[in-house]
Structure formats: structure tokens, C-alpha cells
Amino acid sequence: MTRQDAIPVSGFRLVPLQRFAQGGRWRTEAMRSYSSPVLYWFTRGQGRITVSGVTRGYGPHNAILLPADTMHGFDMMGQVMGVALFFPRDMGGELPEDPIHLRLRDVQLQGEMAIQIDNIQRELDLGTDTMPRALLHHAGLLALWIERQAFPAGHDTDQPDAPAANRIAAAFTALLERDFRKGRGVAHYAAALGVTATHLSRCCKATSGRTASALLQDRVHFEARQMLRDTRLPIKDVAATLGFRSAAYFTRAFQHKTGQTPSAFRKAD
């Protein structure tokens, strides 16, 4: 077991992106969130990342900082390299409140970013008594550095309003992240947002290439796969936790989405 596989120290964890792709594309592409903030640092390759219902491209030397509970997923076109840095949840107050996507084209900035990631890796490897304090300082400096690149001094931080479709997709994914375990359909979320289900799906399709229903199913089934892989809960309890009316209905929905029954997926994973 390497340090990157071990229980995170002081809430920090640094994981190579290649490890995310092991075991199937769903491990990166399906919509998910984490209970703590996460930074993706892509050093090689390209693809698309969907954050809060809006899809954009990413490439080498892209840094994407996401607050806790931000729904997202990304695909990998070819070989993608980099790391994911997970922060302690209670550090959220020290980090930006909204997602940040940096495209670092300047070689000097790329080097500065790499050095800061290396500093955190070095502390994790050393494992000294002072490591927790050092990690907090390194992470705080990294977050401040990212914020300064996103909003340079003297730059007007008042951003123009995002397109209406982006705002609706972001609001939908925030509600979805909060309530996806309750078994509610797209019509419920649309009503909560004051729009029709058709309009909501049209907005999601425009911003991410997926309908609202597809995003909802994707989020639920990612969680189902995680629970089947990481827990020994009976399948009927997994179904109940995710808001399905019955284990049989859950099995049919899971098989339709993944091509496997829940029990077959659990045995094969």
C-alpha cells in the first residue's frame, strides 16, 4: 500500500488521475460529488469536464478547483495524466466558494503550480509530526495562488451574468445533489426551479449535451455503484437508500443503465 492509497492524513489525499480510470469509465465520467473540496491538476491529455451541469474542454496544465458537494464528471480522450488533491472538508472556508477553471498557458505559471503540488506530495511522503500544520499552510497558499490567477489584482471581479441556461443547469444540479436520494423525478426539480420539465431538459442539453433525466440517472447510478462496491449493504437497502420503490425496480433500472444486475456488478468489481 502506497501513501496515496492509505487513509488520508489530516484530511488530505493526493491521487494520480490514472487511478480514477481503473475499473471502468464510469469512475470518471459519471456525475458525482465529494464531501470535501477537490483540485484536479491535468498535466497531459485532454477531454471534457462537466461541472454543475455545464460542460467545457480541458487540456494540459488545466487546474480545476471544486468546492465540496459540487456535481461533476469528466471524460478522458486518450492518455490523461495529473493528480486529484482532496482537501479536508473543514478547510472549505479557506477556499473559493465557486468552481474555478484555470488554463495555465505561461510556462512559469505551470512550473509554479507543479512546485506547489510537489510540496504537498513531499509533506505526505515525509509523514512528520509537523505534517498536518505544514499541509494546511501549503494548501492555503495553493488556494490563494489559484484565486489570484483567476482574479488578478486590479481585475474587475464582477463577472457578466452567465447565460440563463447555465444558471438553470447549475441550480438544477445543486438541487439534484441535495435530493437525489429521495426518488424524485425531473418534474419535481423543474417545479422547484419555476420552469417546465421540457425547458429544464432543453437547458441541460444545451449546457452539457445531456438531458435533465440523463444527469439525474447518472448521479443516482454512480452512487449505486459506489455503494455496491464499497459497502456490504444488502441490495434492498441500497435501493431504499437511493429512493427506489423496491429492490426489483432498482435492479431493472441498474441493469438498464449498466448492463449488469447489482449482484453481478458487486461480484465482478
Protein backbone atom coordinates (compact mmCIF):
# COMPACT_ATOMS: atom_id res chain seq x y z
CA MET A 1 0.00 0.00 0.00
CA THR A 2 1.40 3.39 -1.00
CA ARG A 3 0.78 6.59 0.92
CA GLN A 4 -1.61 7.68 -1.85
CA ASP A 5 -3.70 4.57 -1.19
CA ALA A 6 -3.64 4.98 2.57
CA ILE A 7 -6.17 6.65 4.82
CA PRO A 8 -5.75 10.40 4.19
CA VAL A 9 -3.60 12.21 6.74
CA SER A 10 -5.26 15.29 8.24
CA GLY A 11 -7.93 15.01 5.54
CA PHE A 12 -5.53 15.46 2.62
CA ARG A 13 -5.24 12.94 -0.19
CA LEU A 14 -3.30 13.13 -3.46
CA VAL A 15 -4.36 10.58 -6.11
CA PRO A 16 -2.99 10.09 -9.65
CA LEU A 17 -5.73 10.61 -12.23
CA GLN A 18 -4.79 7.37 -13.97
CA ARG A 19 -6.05 5.50 -10.91
CA PHE A 20 -9.50 7.03 -11.35
CA ALA A 21 -9.90 5.31 -14.70
CA GLN A 22 -9.14 1.83 -13.38
CA GLY A 23 -12.22 -0.35 -13.36
CA GLY A 24 -14.31 1.44 -15.98
CA ARG A 25 -15.11 4.81 -17.50
CA TRP A 26 -17.94 5.34 -15.02
CA ARG A 27 -15.34 6.10 -12.33
CA THR A 28 -14.59 9.43 -14.02
CA GLU A 29 -17.44 10.18 -16.42
CA ALA A 30 -20.50 9.56 -14.25
CA MET A 31 -21.81 12.54 -12.32
CA ARG A 32 -20.63 12.55 -8.71
CA SER A 33 -19.57 14.87 -5.91
CA TYR A 34 -17.23 14.67 -2.95
CA SER A 35 -17.91 15.78 0.59
CA SER A 36 -14.65 17.73 0.60
CA PRO A 37 -13.13 20.24 -1.87
CA VAL A 38 -11.05 18.77 -4.69
CA LEU A 39 -8.48 20.16 -7.11
CA TYR A 40 -7.87 18.46 -10.45
CA TRP A 41 -4.48 19.24 -11.98
CA PHE A 42 -4.24 17.94 -15.55
CA THR A 43 -0.67 17.75 -16.87
CA ARG A 44 -1.21 15.72 -20.03
CA GLY A 45 -4.07 14.80 -22.34
CA GLN A 46 -7.44 16.35 -22.91
CA GLY A 47 -11.15 15.76 -22.61
CA ARG A 48 -14.31 17.37 -21.34
CA ILE A 49 -15.39 18.10 -17.80
CA THR A 50 -18.94 18.82 -16.67
CA VAL A 51 -19.21 21.00 -13.57
CA SER A 52 -22.63 21.96 -12.18
CA GLY A 53 -24.30 20.91 -15.42
CA VAL A 54 -22.01 22.88 -17.76
CA THR A 55 -19.50 21.08 -19.99
CA ARG A 56 -16.19 22.59 -21.08
CA GLY A 57 -13.00 21.23 -22.56
CA TYR A 58 -9.79 20.77 -20.60
CA GLY A 59 -6.22 20.15 -21.67
CA PRO A 60 -2.67 20.04 -20.34
CA HIS A 61 -1.88 22.45 -17.49
CA ASN A 62 -5.51 22.99 -16.54
CA ALA A 63 -6.33 23.35 -12.84
CA ILE A 64 -9.95 22.92 -11.75
CA LEU A 65 -10.82 23.69 -8.13
CA LEU A 66 -14.24 22.49 -6.95
CA PRO A 67 -15.94 23.26 -3.63
CA ALA A 68 -17.38 20.38 -1.62
CA ASP A 69 -20.62 18.84 -2.94
CA THR A 70 -20.11 20.14 -6.50
CA MET A 71 -21.62 17.72 -9.01
CA HIS A 72 -19.16 16.90 -11.79
CA GLY A 73 -17.66 14.26 -14.05
CA PHE A 74 -15.01 14.20 -16.77
CA ASP A 75 -14.03 12.06 -19.72
CA MET A 76 -10.52 11.20 -20.87
CA MET A 77 -9.57 11.31 -24.53
CA GLY A 78 -6.52 9.08 -24.80
CA GLN A 79 -3.93 9.09 -22.04
CA VAL A 80 -4.61 11.72 -19.40
CA MET A 81 -2.17 12.38 -16.59
CA GLY A 82 -2.27 14.54 -13.49
CA VAL A 83 -3.49 14.36 -9.91
CA ALA A 84 -6.55 14.98 -7.79
CA LEU A 85 -5.90 16.74 -4.50
CA PHE A 86 -8.60 16.27 -1.87
CA PHE A 87 -8.70 18.88 0.89
CA PRO A 88 -10.17 18.48 4.38
CA ARG A 89 -13.85 19.37 4.42
CA ASP A 90 -13.38 21.86 7.25
CA MET A 91 -10.93 23.77 5.06
CA GLY A 92 -13.75 24.80 2.76
CA GLY A 93 -13.94 28.24 4.34
CA GLU A 94 -10.38 28.94 3.21
CA LEU A 95 -11.14 28.08 -0.41
CA PRO A 96 -13.13 29.90 -3.11
CA GLU A 97 -16.88 29.39 -2.86
CA ASP A 98 -17.37 28.83 -6.60
CA PRO A 99 -15.62 26.46 -9.02
CA ILE A 100 -12.51 27.83 -10.75
CA HIS A 101 -11.11 26.56 -14.06
CA LEU A 102 -7.60 27.80 -14.86
CA ARG A 103 -5.89 27.27 -18.19
CA LEU A 104 -2.22 27.93 -17.48
CA ARG A 105 -0.52 28.76 -20.77
CA ASP A 106 2.51 30.54 -19.31
CA VAL A 107 5.43 28.17 -18.67
CA GLN A 108 6.42 29.98 -15.47
CA LEU A 109 2.91 29.63 -14.04
CA GLN A 110 2.85 25.95 -14.98
CA GLY A 111 6.10 25.50 -13.05
CA GLU A 112 4.77 27.36 -10.02
CA MET A 113 1.70 25.17 -9.95
CA ALA A 114 3.76 21.99 -10.25
CA ILE A 115 6.05 23.07 -7.40
CA GLN A 116 3.13 23.62 -5.07
CA ILE A 117 1.70 20.18 -5.81
CA ASP A 118 5.17 18.68 -5.27
CA ASN A 119 5.44 20.44 -1.90
CA ILE A 120 2.20 18.82 -0.74
CA GLN A 121 3.30 15.41 -2.03
CA ARG A 122 6.62 15.78 -0.21
CA GLU A 123 4.88 16.50 3.09
CA LEU A 124 2.63 13.48 2.68
CA ASP A 125 5.66 11.31 1.96
CA LEU A 126 7.65 12.60 4.93
CA GLY A 127 4.89 11.96 7.46
CA THR A 128 6.48 14.04 10.23
CA ASP A 129 4.74 15.27 13.38
CA THR A 130 4.53 18.75 11.88
CA MET A 131 2.97 17.48 8.64
CA PRO A 132 -0.66 18.46 9.41
CA ARG A 133 0.33 22.10 10.03
CA ALA A 134 2.60 22.17 7.01
CA LEU A 135 -0.11 20.73 4.76
CA LEU A 136 -2.61 23.36 5.87
CA HIS A 137 -0.12 26.13 5.08
CA HIS A 138 0.84 24.65 1.70
CA ALA A 139 -2.81 24.10 0.75
CA GLY A 140 -3.79 27.60 1.84
CA LEU A 141 -1.03 29.12 -0.29
CA LEU A 142 -2.04 26.94 -3.24
CA ALA A 143 -5.68 28.01 -2.98
CA LEU A 144 -4.67 31.68 -2.71
CA TRP A 145 -2.37 31.30 -5.72
CA ILE A 146 -5.19 29.80 -7.80
CA GLU A 147 -7.56 32.57 -6.75
CA ARG A 148 -5.01 35.23 -7.72
CA GLN A 149 -4.57 33.68 -11.15
CA ALA A 150 -8.32 33.57 -11.65
CA PHE A 151 -8.84 37.12 -10.37
CA PRO A 152 -5.64 39.15 -10.85
CA ALA A 153 -5.11 42.32 -8.79
CA GLY A 154 -6.78 45.28 -10.44
CA HIS A 155 -9.05 43.00 -12.44
CA ASP A 156 -12.77 43.68 -12.22
CA THR A 157 -14.13 40.67 -10.34
CA ASP A 158 -17.72 41.47 -11.28
CA GLN A 159 -18.37 38.82 -13.89
CA PRO A 160 -21.08 39.23 -16.53
CA ASP A 161 -24.20 37.24 -15.87
CA ALA A 162 -23.92 33.66 -17.06
CA PRO A 163 -26.35 32.64 -19.80
CA ALA A 164 -29.77 31.72 -18.49
CA ALA A 165 -29.30 28.06 -19.47
CA ASN A 166 -26.09 27.88 -17.40
CA ARG A 167 -27.83 29.35 -14.36
CA ILE A 168 -30.73 26.91 -14.62
CA ALA A 169 -28.42 23.93 -15.10
CA ALA A 170 -26.32 24.97 -12.10
CA ALA A 171 -29.40 25.44 -9.92
CA PHE A 172 -30.76 22.07 -11.04
CA THR A 173 -27.54 20.20 -10.25
CA ALA A 174 -27.35 21.87 -6.83
CA LEU A 175 -30.88 20.68 -6.01
CA LEU A 176 -30.14 17.29 -7.53
CA GLU A 177 -27.02 16.89 -5.41
CA ARG A 178 -29.03 17.66 -2.30
CA ASP A 179 -32.06 15.48 -3.03
CA PHE A 180 -31.13 12.71 -5.49
CA ARG A 181 -31.61 10.05 -2.80
CA LYS A 182 -35.29 10.95 -2.41
CA GLY A 183 -36.51 9.30 -5.61
CA ARG A 184 -37.84 12.49 -7.15
CA GLY A 185 -38.27 12.95 -10.89
CA VAL A 186 -37.32 15.76 -13.24
CA ALA A 187 -40.79 17.32 -12.96
CA HIS A 188 -40.24 17.89 -9.24
CA TYR A 189 -36.94 19.69 -9.80
CA ALA A 190 -38.39 21.74 -12.66
CA ALA A 191 -41.29 22.87 -10.47
CA ALA A 192 -38.87 23.84 -7.69
CA LEU A 193 -36.99 26.00 -10.21
CA GLY A 194 -40.15 27.55 -11.62
CA VAL A 195 -39.72 26.13 -15.14
CA THR A 196 -41.26 23.32 -17.13
CA ALA A 197 -39.59 19.92 -17.32
CA THR A 198 -39.17 20.43 -21.06
CA HIS A 199 -37.42 23.75 -20.57
CA LEU A 200 -35.16 22.30 -17.88
CA SER A 201 -34.12 19.44 -20.13
CA ARG A 202 -33.54 21.84 -23.01
CA CYS A 203 -31.22 23.93 -20.82
CA CYS A 204 -29.28 20.89 -19.62
CA LYS A 205 -28.94 19.60 -23.16
CA ALA A 206 -27.59 22.96 -24.28
CA THR A 207 -25.04 23.25 -21.46
CA SER A 208 -23.86 19.66 -21.09
CA GLY A 209 -25.16 17.64 -24.02
CA ARG A 210 -27.30 15.59 -21.60
CA THR A 211 -30.94 15.86 -20.71
CA ALA A 212 -32.01 16.56 -17.14
CA SER A 213 -33.21 12.97 -16.87
CA ALA A 214 -29.82 11.65 -18.03
CA LEU A 215 -27.99 13.76 -15.43
CA LEU A 216 -30.37 12.55 -12.71
CA GLN A 217 -29.99 8.89 -13.66
CA ASP A 218 -26.23 9.25 -13.99
CA ARG A 219 -25.91 10.71 -10.48
CA VAL A 220 -28.11 8.06 -8.88
CA HIS A 221 -26.37 5.19 -10.61
CA PHE A 222 -22.90 6.44 -9.78
CA GLU A 223 -23.90 6.43 -6.13
CA ALA A 224 -25.41 2.97 -6.53
CA ARG A 225 -22.18 1.62 -7.99
CA GLN A 226 -20.15 3.22 -5.22
CA MET A 227 -22.38 1.69 -2.55
CA LEU A 228 -22.29 -1.74 -4.18
CA ARG A 229 -18.51 -1.56 -4.46
CA ASP A 230 -17.63 0.00 -1.10
CA THR A 231 -20.25 -1.41 1.29
CA ARG A 232 -21.79 -4.77 2.15
CA LEU A 233 -25.30 -3.35 2.41
CA PRO A 234 -27.97 -5.72 1.09
CA ILE A 235 -29.20 -4.68 -2.34
CA LYS A 236 -32.66 -3.93 -0.98
CA ASP A 237 -31.10 -1.43 1.45
CA VAL A 238 -29.07 0.19 -1.33
CA ALA A 239 -32.30 0.56 -3.29
CA ALA A 240 -34.13 2.09 -0.33
CA THR A 241 -31.28 4.49 0.42
CA LEU A 242 -31.43 5.79 -3.14
CA GLY A 243 -35.19 6.30 -3.15
CA PHE A 244 -36.27 3.33 -5.28
CA ARG A 245 -39.72 1.93 -4.60
CA SER A 246 -38.47 -1.65 -4.49
CA ALA A 247 -35.36 -3.75 -4.93
CA ALA A 248 -36.85 -5.21 -8.12
CA TYR A 249 -37.34 -1.75 -9.64
CA PHE A 250 -33.80 -0.81 -8.64
CA THR A 251 -32.42 -3.97 -10.24
CA ARG A 252 -34.21 -3.26 -13.53
CA ALA A 253 -33.06 0.37 -13.58
CA PHE A 254 -29.49 -0.54 -12.68
CA GLN A 255 -29.30 -3.24 -15.33
CA HIS A 256 -30.75 -0.93 -17.96
CA LYS A 257 -28.11 1.69 -17.12
CA THR A 258 -25.05 -0.53 -16.65
CA GLY A 259 -25.81 -3.78 -18.47
CA GLN A 260 -25.40 -5.75 -15.22
CA THR A 261 -27.58 -6.63 -12.30
CA PRO A 262 -26.49 -5.12 -8.96
CA SER A 263 -25.38 -8.51 -7.67
CA ALA A 264 -23.35 -9.23 -10.83
CA PHE A 265 -21.71 -5.81 -10.63
CA ARG A 266 -20.79 -6.37 -6.98
CA LYS A 267 -19.24 -9.76 -7.73
CA ALA A 268 -17.29 -8.52 -10.75
CA ASP A 269 -15.95 -5.26 -9.27
